[in-house]
Amino acid sequence: MSFSPQSPTIADVAKRAGVSIATVSRVLNGNTPVVPSTAERVQAAIKELNFVPRSAARVLASRRTSTIGLLLPEIGGWFFPSILRGIELAARQAGYDLLIHTVDVEYPLKTSRRALGMHNTDGLIVFTNSVDDDELAYLERNHFPIVLLHQTPPEGLNIPVITIENKDGAQKLVDHLIEVHDRRRIVFLRGPEGHEDSDWRERGYRESLAAHGISANENLVARGGFDETEAASTVSQLLKNGVDFDAIFAGDDLSALGAITTLQSAGYRIPDDVAVVGFDDIPLARFMSPPLTTVRAPTEQTGIEAVKQLVRLIRGEAAESITLLPTKLVIRTSCGCKPKEVVP
């Protein structure tokens, strides 16, 4: 991308928004409070003029930051360290430094808060729901390299996606509960609202039920939030409401842990009374009591693939529109299998 002398300036933005240059600077830097209505006018002017700060223009012209950015909701827990390990390893091998910015998923990164982007990186890896659609459209319109993790791009945007085979893994897991352990009243604990991984896992759950002639019972579908505490609360409420179930498919392993803890506290035996299974195969899964049957997701590999595709874009090469990595059923004992039946 090149910039000409006619490119809009900060003064143009200030004039369009009817504010001072200093106010525009404060909005861009994001380190000094600005009256919300004023900030909105500045943001609108930035978008209308397609304004990029001159420092960003110089960086884009040279493409020499040798840095890639990662936007994601958090870096703690059991899931994210693995994906970070893959991204960091692949970035280092490709000769790039890594900048990380965490985003509140309730307020995904917007155009007005470009903590990472064209001004300080050569490309971005964006985890699901970390950037709003308008910002993704802005970056793609400016031919800035972006790769999405676990998120389909908004309609009309050509942005590569790295994800895993959620539906197939979920379907095989529920098939196992039905065919091997004759479980038919299976709870599904959803992930966060709008999370595509959760949506695909639910689709696999429902398709397995349908394939076995089992009608979906909406009373057995509840929110687990990919969160131990939320899942525990949900299972507690199901028990309180007298909902009849003989198995729980938790949307992720932390939800499974919350379910197991609640059931055991209520006097239920696992898997004798209720089978519990999860998804992801986090390191903790094999050490749960009982060890958790789950679906192994290639989490670290998704990070590696994301960097590979991003580097292709940075170098002006074609990238795969979607990279779908396979998952694997991991049988332990929380589903009802005996130790001798467990497959390593």
Protein backbone atom coordinates (compact mmCIF):
# COMPACT_ATOMS: atom_id res chain seq x y z
CA MET A 1 0.00 0.00 0.00
CA SER A 2 1.32 3.44 -0.89
CA PHE A 3 0.51 6.87 0.47
CA SER A 4 0.41 10.03 -1.64
CA PRO A 5 0.60 13.67 -0.58
CA GLN A 6 -3.18 13.73 -0.96
CA SER A 7 -3.69 11.20 1.84
CA PRO A 8 -5.89 12.65 4.61
CA THR A 9 -4.08 14.24 7.53
CA ILE A 10 -4.90 14.60 11.20
CA ALA A 11 -5.92 18.17 10.42
CA ASP A 12 -8.44 16.86 7.88
CA VAL A 13 -9.90 14.57 10.52
CA ALA A 14 -10.10 17.43 13.02
CA LYS A 15 -11.86 19.64 10.47
CA ARG A 16 -14.34 16.91 9.50
CA ALA A 17 -15.15 16.17 13.16
CA GLY A 18 -15.23 19.83 14.18
CA VAL A 19 -12.62 19.41 16.92
CA SER A 20 -9.02 20.38 17.54
CA ILE A 21 -6.02 18.42 16.32
CA ALA A 22 -5.15 17.76 19.97
CA THR A 23 -8.53 16.10 20.49
CA VAL A 24 -8.00 13.83 17.49
CA SER A 25 -4.59 12.92 18.88
CA ARG A 26 -6.10 12.03 22.25
CA VAL A 27 -8.66 9.76 20.57
CA LEU A 28 -5.97 8.06 18.49
CA ASN A 29 -3.66 7.48 21.44
CA GLY A 30 -6.45 6.37 23.74
CA ASN A 31 -4.56 7.41 26.87
CA THR A 32 -6.59 10.54 27.77
CA PRO A 33 -10.38 10.56 28.37
CA VAL A 34 -12.49 12.20 25.65
CA VAL A 35 -16.22 12.98 25.88
CA PRO A 36 -17.95 9.96 24.28
CA SER A 37 -19.98 12.02 21.81
CA THR A 38 -16.82 13.85 20.69
CA ALA A 39 -14.89 10.59 20.39
CA GLU A 40 -17.68 9.17 18.23
CA ARG A 41 -17.46 12.17 15.86
CA VAL A 42 -13.71 11.69 15.57
CA GLN A 43 -14.11 7.97 14.95
CA ALA A 44 -16.68 8.65 12.25
CA ALA A 45 -14.34 11.16 10.57
CA ILE A 46 -11.44 8.68 10.69
CA LYS A 47 -13.61 6.04 9.05
CA GLU A 48 -15.04 8.41 6.41
CA LEU A 49 -11.61 9.72 5.42
CA ASN A 50 -9.91 6.33 5.69
CA PHE A 51 -7.28 8.08 7.79
CA VAL A 52 -4.04 6.35 8.85
CA PRO A 53 -1.52 8.24 11.08
CA ARG A 54 1.66 9.29 9.26
CA SER A 55 3.74 7.06 11.51
CA ALA A 56 1.67 4.15 10.25
CA ALA A 57 2.15 5.31 6.67
CA ARG A 58 5.92 5.25 7.05
CA VAL A 59 5.78 1.78 8.55
CA LEU A 60 3.47 0.48 5.83
CA ALA A 61 5.66 1.92 3.11
CA SER A 62 8.71 0.08 4.40
CA ARG A 63 6.97 -3.08 5.76
CA ARG A 64 9.94 -3.47 8.07
CA THR A 65 8.52 -3.89 11.56
CA SER A 66 9.37 -7.63 11.53
CA THR A 67 6.55 -7.95 14.07
CA ILE A 68 3.21 -9.70 14.02
CA GLY A 69 0.36 -8.92 16.39
CA LEU A 70 -2.00 -11.21 18.27
CA LEU A 71 -5.40 -10.07 19.54
CA LEU A 72 -7.18 -12.39 21.95
CA PRO A 73 -9.48 -12.24 25.01
CA GLU A 74 -7.03 -13.55 27.61
CA ILE A 75 -3.71 -15.32 28.08
CA GLY A 76 -4.51 -17.30 31.23
CA GLY A 77 -6.40 -20.53 31.81
CA TRP A 78 -5.55 -23.91 30.34
CA PHE A 79 -6.43 -23.29 26.69
CA PHE A 80 -4.54 -20.16 25.69
CA PRO A 81 -0.98 -21.05 26.79
CA SER A 82 -0.97 -23.88 24.26
CA ILE A 83 -2.07 -21.74 21.34
CA LEU A 84 0.38 -19.03 22.40
CA ARG A 85 3.18 -21.57 22.45
CA GLY A 86 2.46 -22.48 18.84
CA ILE A 87 2.25 -18.86 17.70
CA GLU A 88 5.41 -17.80 19.51
CA LEU A 89 7.38 -20.77 18.16
CA ALA A 90 6.29 -20.28 14.56
CA ALA A 91 6.80 -16.50 14.70
CA ARG A 92 10.33 -16.88 16.02
CA GLN A 93 11.20 -19.45 13.37
CA ALA A 94 9.89 -17.11 10.67
CA GLY A 95 11.98 -14.22 12.03
CA TYR A 96 9.17 -12.17 13.57
CA ASP A 97 8.69 -10.66 17.00
CA LEU A 98 5.28 -11.02 18.62
CA LEU A 99 3.09 -8.30 20.15
CA ILE A 100 0.06 -9.42 22.20
CA HIS A 101 -2.98 -7.38 23.17
CA THR A 102 -5.89 -8.75 25.20
CA VAL A 103 -9.41 -7.55 24.46
CA ASP A 104 -12.60 -7.67 26.52
CA VAL A 105 -14.86 -9.90 24.40
CA GLU A 106 -17.85 -7.80 25.49
CA TYR A 107 -16.18 -4.82 23.80
CA PRO A 108 -14.15 -6.11 20.83
CA LEU A 109 -11.45 -3.88 19.38
CA LYS A 110 -12.87 -1.05 17.33
CA THR A 111 -11.43 1.33 14.79
CA SER A 112 -10.81 3.98 17.46
CA ARG A 113 -8.56 1.72 19.55
CA ARG A 114 -5.94 0.27 17.26
CA ALA A 115 -3.59 -1.02 19.93
CA LEU A 116 -2.19 -3.33 17.28
CA GLY A 117 -2.45 -2.85 13.56
CA MET A 118 -0.91 -1.14 10.57
CA HIS A 119 1.09 1.30 12.68
CA ASN A 120 3.15 -1.26 14.59
CA THR A 121 2.87 -4.73 13.02
CA ASP A 122 3.21 -6.37 9.60
CA GLY A 123 0.06 -8.44 10.15
CA LEU A 124 -2.44 -9.60 12.75
CA ILE A 125 -3.71 -12.91 14.10
CA VAL A 126 -7.18 -12.35 15.55
CA PHE A 127 -8.85 -14.78 17.94
CA THR A 128 -12.62 -15.13 17.73
CA ASN A 129 -14.67 -12.05 18.72
CA SER A 130 -11.59 -9.92 19.48
CA VAL A 131 -12.15 -7.35 16.69
CA ASP A 132 -15.45 -5.91 15.50
CA ASP A 133 -16.63 -6.37 11.93
CA ASP A 134 -16.09 -2.74 10.94
CA GLU A 135 -12.45 -2.88 11.97
CA LEU A 136 -11.91 -6.14 10.09
CA ALA A 137 -13.44 -4.54 7.00
CA TYR A 138 -11.19 -1.48 7.41
CA LEU A 139 -8.05 -3.60 7.64
CA GLU A 140 -9.01 -5.80 4.70
CA ARG A 141 -9.92 -2.77 2.62
CA ASN A 142 -6.39 -1.49 3.20
CA HIS A 143 -4.91 -4.86 2.17
CA PHE A 144 -3.48 -5.43 5.63
CA PRO A 145 -2.58 -9.09 6.33
CA ILE A 146 -4.99 -10.72 8.80
CA VAL A 147 -5.67 -14.31 9.82
CA LEU A 148 -8.64 -15.31 11.97
CA LEU A 149 -8.58 -18.03 14.61
CA HIS A 150 -11.80 -19.97 15.24
CA GLN A 151 -13.95 -17.34 13.52
CA THR A 152 -15.52 -17.11 10.07
CA PRO A 153 -14.92 -13.70 8.47
CA PRO A 154 -17.90 -11.37 8.04
CA GLU A 155 -19.74 -11.80 4.75
CA GLY A 156 -17.90 -10.29 1.83
CA LEU A 157 -14.46 -10.28 3.48
CA ASN A 158 -11.72 -12.54 2.16
CA ILE A 159 -9.75 -13.31 5.34
CA PRO A 160 -8.06 -16.70 5.97
CA VAL A 161 -9.39 -18.80 8.85
CA ILE A 162 -7.67 -21.40 11.02
CA THR A 163 -10.01 -23.66 12.95
CA ILE A 164 -10.58 -27.28 14.01
CA GLU A 165 -13.05 -30.02 13.13
CA ASN A 166 -15.50 -29.31 15.95
CA LYS A 167 -18.62 -30.97 14.54
CA ASP A 168 -16.98 -34.26 13.65
CA GLY A 169 -15.27 -34.54 17.03
CA ALA A 170 -18.47 -33.74 18.92
CA GLN A 171 -20.51 -36.19 16.88
CA LYS A 172 -18.05 -39.04 17.49
CA LEU A 173 -18.07 -38.26 21.22
CA VAL A 174 -21.86 -38.38 21.49
CA ASP A 175 -21.96 -41.46 19.25
CA HIS A 176 -19.68 -43.14 21.78
CA LEU A 177 -21.95 -42.25 24.71
CA ILE A 178 -25.00 -43.63 22.88
CA GLU A 179 -23.57 -46.69 21.16
CA VAL A 180 -21.12 -47.94 23.78
CA HIS A 181 -22.74 -46.79 27.03
CA ASP A 182 -26.43 -46.58 26.06
CA ARG A 183 -26.74 -43.01 27.31
CA ARG A 184 -29.77 -41.29 25.79
CA ARG A 185 -30.58 -38.32 28.03
CA ILE A 186 -27.44 -36.31 27.31
CA VAL A 187 -27.00 -32.74 28.49
CA PHE A 188 -25.01 -30.37 26.28
CA LEU A 189 -23.30 -27.44 28.01
CA ARG A 190 -22.88 -24.66 25.44
CA GLY A 191 -19.97 -22.26 25.29
CA PRO A 192 -20.29 -18.46 25.25
CA GLU A 193 -23.01 -16.91 23.11
CA GLY A 194 -21.92 -16.49 19.51
CA HIS A 195 -18.79 -18.65 19.85
CA GLU A 196 -18.44 -20.62 16.60
CA ASP A 197 -16.61 -23.55 18.19
CA SER A 198 -19.54 -24.04 20.54
CA ASP A 199 -22.07 -23.72 17.71
CA TRP A 200 -20.33 -26.44 15.67
CA ARG A 201 -20.01 -28.72 18.71
CA GLU A 202 -23.71 -28.32 19.37
CA ARG A 203 -24.43 -29.18 15.75
CA GLY A 204 -22.40 -32.39 16.11
CA TYR A 205 -24.32 -33.21 19.32
CA ARG A 206 -27.67 -32.71 17.62
CA GLU A 207 -26.70 -34.66 14.49
CA SER A 208 -25.59 -37.61 16.61
CA LEU A 209 -28.90 -37.63 18.50
CA ALA A 210 -30.84 -37.48 15.24
CA ALA A 211 -28.78 -40.27 13.67
CA HIS A 212 -29.75 -42.51 16.59
CA GLY A 213 -33.42 -41.59 16.54
CA ILE A 214 -33.25 -39.54 19.73
CA SER A 215 -35.32 -36.37 19.80
CA ALA A 216 -33.45 -33.30 20.99
CA ASN A 217 -34.73 -32.17 24.38
CA GLU A 218 -34.20 -28.43 24.77
CA ASN A 219 -34.29 -28.83 28.56
CA LEU A 220 -31.00 -30.69 28.20
CA VAL A 221 -29.22 -27.86 26.39
CA ALA A 222 -27.85 -25.23 28.76
CA ARG A 223 -25.02 -22.74 29.00
CA GLY A 224 -21.65 -23.76 30.40
CA GLY A 225 -19.77 -20.76 29.06
CA PHE A 226 -16.48 -22.64 28.62
CA ASP A 227 -16.12 -21.84 32.31
CA GLU A 228 -15.83 -24.12 35.33
CA THR A 229 -17.87 -21.93 37.67
CA GLU A 230 -20.67 -21.24 35.20
CA ALA A 231 -20.94 -24.91 34.28
CA ALA A 232 -21.06 -25.90 37.96
CA SER A 233 -23.89 -23.42 38.55
CA THR A 234 -25.81 -24.67 35.53
CA VAL A 235 -25.56 -28.33 36.54
CA SER A 236 -26.60 -27.41 40.07
CA GLN A 237 -29.71 -25.73 38.66
CA LEU A 238 -30.50 -28.75 36.48
CA LEU A 239 -30.38 -30.97 39.56
CA LYS A 240 -32.51 -28.51 41.53
CA ASN A 241 -35.09 -28.47 38.74
CA GLY A 242 -35.26 -32.27 38.72
CA VAL A 243 -34.10 -32.59 35.10
CA ASP A 244 -33.53 -36.25 34.26
CA PHE A 245 -30.20 -36.96 32.52
CA ASP A 246 -27.65 -39.77 32.40
CA ALA A 247 -24.72 -38.01 30.68
CA ILE A 248 -23.20 -34.57 30.18
CA PHE A 249 -21.31 -33.44 27.11
CA ALA A 250 -19.53 -30.31 28.27
CA GLY A 251 -18.53 -27.84 25.55
CA ASP A 252 -14.98 -27.80 26.88
CA ASP A 253 -12.91 -29.54 29.54
CA LEU A 254 -13.21 -26.76 32.13
CA SER A 255 -17.00 -26.99 31.89
CA ALA A 256 -16.65 -30.73 32.36
CA LEU A 257 -14.62 -30.16 35.53
CA GLY A 258 -17.32 -27.86 36.88
CA ALA A 259 -19.97 -30.47 36.09
CA ILE A 260 -18.01 -33.28 37.73
CA THR A 261 -17.39 -31.25 40.88
CA THR A 262 -21.07 -30.38 41.27
CA LEU A 263 -22.30 -33.92 40.60
CA GLN A 264 -19.87 -35.47 43.04
CA SER A 265 -20.77 -32.92 45.72
CA ALA A 266 -24.42 -33.90 45.21
CA GLY A 267 -23.59 -37.58 45.74
CA TYR A 268 -23.61 -38.74 42.15
CA ARG A 269 -21.10 -41.37 41.02
CA ILE A 270 -19.23 -40.74 37.78
CA PRO A 271 -19.62 -42.51 35.43
CA ASP A 272 -21.99 -44.99 37.10
CA ASP A 273 -24.82 -42.49 37.62
CA VAL A 274 -23.83 -39.83 35.10
CA ALA A 275 -21.19 -40.02 32.39
CA VAL A 276 -19.29 -36.77 31.76
CA VAL A 277 -17.22 -35.92 28.68
CA GLY A 278 -15.51 -32.76 27.46
CA PHE A 279 -13.66 -31.18 24.56
CA ASP A 280 -10.07 -29.88 24.00
CA ASP A 281 -8.03 -32.38 26.05
CA ILE A 282 -6.31 -29.78 28.20
CA PRO A 283 -3.38 -31.14 30.30
CA LEU A 284 -5.63 -31.33 33.36
CA ALA A 285 -8.09 -33.72 31.68
CA ARG A 286 -6.09 -36.90 32.30
CA PHE A 287 -5.64 -36.01 35.98
CA MET A 288 -9.30 -35.42 36.79
CA SER A 289 -11.11 -37.92 38.98
CA PRO A 290 -12.17 -39.88 37.05
CA PRO A 291 -9.89 -39.16 34.07
CA LEU A 292 -11.86 -37.29 31.43
CA THR A 293 -12.99 -38.72 28.11
CA THR A 294 -12.74 -35.84 25.67
CA VAL A 295 -11.86 -34.71 22.16
CA ARG A 296 -8.25 -33.75 21.56
CA ALA A 297 -8.00 -30.45 19.70
CA PRO A 298 -4.67 -29.57 18.02
CA THR A 299 -4.53 -26.26 19.87
CA GLU A 300 -0.81 -25.60 19.53
CA GLN A 301 -0.91 -26.53 15.85
CA THR A 302 -3.64 -23.96 15.18
CA GLY A 303 -1.24 -21.27 16.38
CA ILE A 304 1.54 -22.59 14.16
CA GLU A 305 -0.74 -22.70 11.11
CA ALA A 306 -2.01 -19.19 11.80
CA VAL A 307 1.52 -17.81 11.65
CA LYS A 308 2.32 -19.78 8.49
CA GLN A 309 -0.69 -18.36 6.66
CA LEU A 310 -0.06 -14.83 7.95
CA VAL A 311 3.57 -14.89 6.81
CA ARG A 312 2.39 -15.93 3.34
CA LEU A 313 0.13 -12.89 3.20
CA ILE A 314 2.88 -10.57 4.48
CA ARG A 315 5.16 -11.84 1.71
CA GLY A 316 2.48 -11.21 -0.90
CA GLU A 317 1.77 -14.90 -1.43
CA ALA A 318 -1.61 -16.62 -1.56
CA ALA A 319 -2.94 -18.11 1.68
CA GLU A 320 -5.43 -20.92 2.25
CA SER A 321 -8.94 -19.52 2.72
CA ILE A 322 -9.63 -22.07 5.47
CA THR A 323 -7.37 -24.45 7.35
CA LEU A 324 -9.43 -27.13 9.11
CA LEU A 325 -7.37 -29.24 11.52
CA PRO A 326 -8.59 -32.71 12.58
CA THR A 327 -9.62 -33.65 16.12
CA LYS A 328 -9.31 -37.02 17.86
CA LEU A 329 -11.52 -38.88 20.32
CA VAL A 330 -9.62 -39.65 23.54
CA ILE A 331 -11.24 -42.40 25.64
CA ARG A 332 -10.59 -42.41 29.39
CA THR A 333 -12.96 -43.52 32.15
CA SER A 334 -15.40 -40.65 32.83
CA CYS A 335 -17.64 -41.96 30.03
CA GLY A 336 -17.96 -45.45 31.55
CA CYS A 337 -15.12 -47.27 29.81
CA LYS A 338 -12.95 -49.45 32.03
CA PRO A 339 -9.22 -48.73 32.28
CA LYS A 340 -8.38 -51.76 30.12
CA GLU A 341 -10.58 -50.35 27.34
CA VAL A 342 -8.85 -46.98 27.27
CA VAL A 343 -6.96 -46.18 24.09
CA PRO A 344 -3.76 -44.12 24.67
